[in-house]
Structures are given as C-alpha cells and as structure tokens.
Amino acid sequence: MLKLGAVMVVITLGAFLAMRPQTAQTAPTALPEVNEQNFAKLLKHILPTQQECRWQEIPWRNTFWDAVKEANRAEKPILLWGMNGHPLGCT
C-alpha cells in the first residue's frame, strides 16, 4: 500500500510540473555605454515628449467641492475620477 501512495505522489508531482508554464531562457540585453557622444540621444529617449506631458495642462482640482462650484459657474460637467486601491494596480 505504501508503494501505491508513493507512486501517486510522484505522478501528481510530475503532472503539476508538466503544467507549469515554461520560461524562455534568453541572454540578458547588454546596456548601452553612456558617453559624451550618445548622452544627448539617450536623454532624448528617456525624457517624456511635450505630447506625453499634456495631462499636466489639465486644470485639476484638489477638492470635489471646488470643482462643483467652478462647473456650476461655467455650466460644464465634472469628471470625477474615483478608485479603490493602489494607483498603479499593485494591490
């Protein structure tokens, strides 16, 4: 009876290992050397573009009540962005 139990454990473990997703073994990407010749190009690649920073031009309000008063004066709707949890989805 003990042999049958050991065989079942081995079969179950084998099936579990066979179902795991296989990760590809890839060589690590070499990092570029930073020097005076390529510094400006790397900096331009890293910094956000003006188009990517347009969200900073939105006149956000710190409190909902300030937005309500301003929306009433301008007769415009309000976008209320509400969420629960970590802002990057790390919950």
Protein backbone atom coordinates (compact mmCIF):
# COMPACT_ATOMS: atom_id res chain seq x y z
CA MET A 1 0.00 0.00 0.00
CA LEU A 2 2.86 2.37 0.75
CA LYS A 3 4.25 1.90 -2.75
CA LEU A 4 0.93 2.87 -4.33
CA GLY A 5 0.80 6.08 -2.26
CA ALA A 6 4.37 6.99 -3.25
CA VAL A 7 3.59 6.34 -6.90
CA MET A 8 0.52 8.58 -6.72
CA VAL A 9 2.59 11.38 -5.17
CA VAL A 10 5.19 11.08 -7.94
CA ILE A 11 2.53 11.07 -10.66
CA THR A 12 0.77 14.08 -9.14
CA LEU A 13 4.05 15.97 -8.80
CA GLY A 14 5.01 15.11 -12.37
CA ALA A 15 1.65 16.31 -13.68
CA PHE A 16 1.96 19.54 -11.70
CA LEU A 17 5.45 20.23 -13.06
CA ALA A 18 4.34 19.46 -16.60
CA MET A 19 1.52 22.04 -16.36
CA ARG A 20 3.80 24.89 -15.26
CA PRO A 21 4.46 27.49 -17.96
CA GLN A 22 7.94 27.26 -19.36
CA THR A 23 10.02 30.42 -19.30
CA ALA A 24 12.29 31.17 -22.21
CA GLN A 25 15.97 31.24 -21.48
CA THR A 26 17.21 34.38 -23.21
CA ALA A 27 20.51 36.13 -22.95
CA PRO A 28 20.41 39.38 -20.98
CA THR A 29 20.34 42.54 -23.07
CA ALA A 30 23.57 44.49 -22.92
CA LEU A 31 23.16 48.03 -21.60
CA PRO A 32 24.48 50.82 -23.81
CA GLU A 33 27.58 52.60 -22.65
CA VAL A 34 26.89 56.21 -21.72
CA ASN A 35 29.47 58.62 -23.05
CA GLU A 36 29.65 62.16 -24.40
CA GLN A 37 28.74 61.06 -27.92
CA ASN A 38 25.49 59.28 -27.10
CA PHE A 39 24.39 61.14 -23.95
CA ALA A 40 22.09 63.59 -25.75
CA LYS A 41 20.45 60.79 -27.72
CA LEU A 42 19.86 58.68 -24.60
CA LEU A 43 18.50 61.70 -22.69
CA LYS A 44 16.06 62.48 -25.52
CA HIS A 45 14.91 58.84 -25.45
CA ILE A 46 14.34 58.86 -21.67
CA LEU A 47 12.62 62.23 -21.15
CA PRO A 48 8.88 62.48 -21.95
CA THR A 49 7.83 64.40 -25.03
CA GLN A 50 5.69 67.52 -24.90
CA GLN A 51 2.74 65.44 -26.14
CA GLU A 52 3.23 62.96 -23.27
CA CYS A 53 3.14 65.82 -20.73
CA ARG A 54 -0.14 67.34 -21.93
CA TRP A 55 -2.02 65.85 -18.96
CA GLN A 56 -0.18 68.38 -16.80
CA GLU A 57 -2.06 71.18 -18.59
CA ILE A 58 -5.45 69.96 -17.30
CA PRO A 59 -6.66 72.30 -14.53
CA TRP A 60 -7.17 69.58 -11.90
CA ARG A 61 -8.98 70.50 -8.68
CA ASN A 62 -7.88 69.31 -5.26
CA THR A 63 -11.37 69.07 -3.80
CA PHE A 64 -14.66 67.98 -5.30
CA TRP A 65 -16.48 71.00 -3.93
CA ASP A 66 -14.15 73.42 -5.73
CA ALA A 67 -14.89 71.55 -8.96
CA VAL A 68 -18.65 71.68 -8.32
CA LYS A 69 -18.61 75.45 -7.78
CA GLU A 70 -16.48 76.07 -10.87
CA ALA A 71 -18.58 73.71 -13.03
CA ASN A 72 -21.77 75.46 -11.93
CA ARG A 73 -20.35 78.86 -12.85
CA ALA A 74 -19.14 77.61 -16.25
CA GLU A 75 -22.20 75.37 -16.83
CA LYS A 76 -19.94 72.42 -17.61
CA PRO A 77 -19.91 68.79 -16.44
CA ILE A 78 -17.42 67.31 -13.97
CA LEU A 79 -15.26 64.24 -14.46
CA LEU A 80 -14.97 62.54 -11.09
CA TRP A 81 -12.16 60.00 -11.15
CA GLY A 82 -12.60 57.59 -8.26
CA MET A 83 -10.69 54.46 -7.49
CA ASN A 84 -10.04 51.93 -4.82
CA GLY A 85 -6.58 50.54 -4.24
CA HIS A 86 -3.08 51.34 -5.34
CA PRO A 87 -2.83 53.84 -8.25
CA LEU A 88 -0.52 51.51 -10.19
CA GLY A 89 -2.71 48.47 -9.69
CA CYS A 90 -0.34 46.94 -7.13
CA THR A 91 -2.98 45.53 -4.81
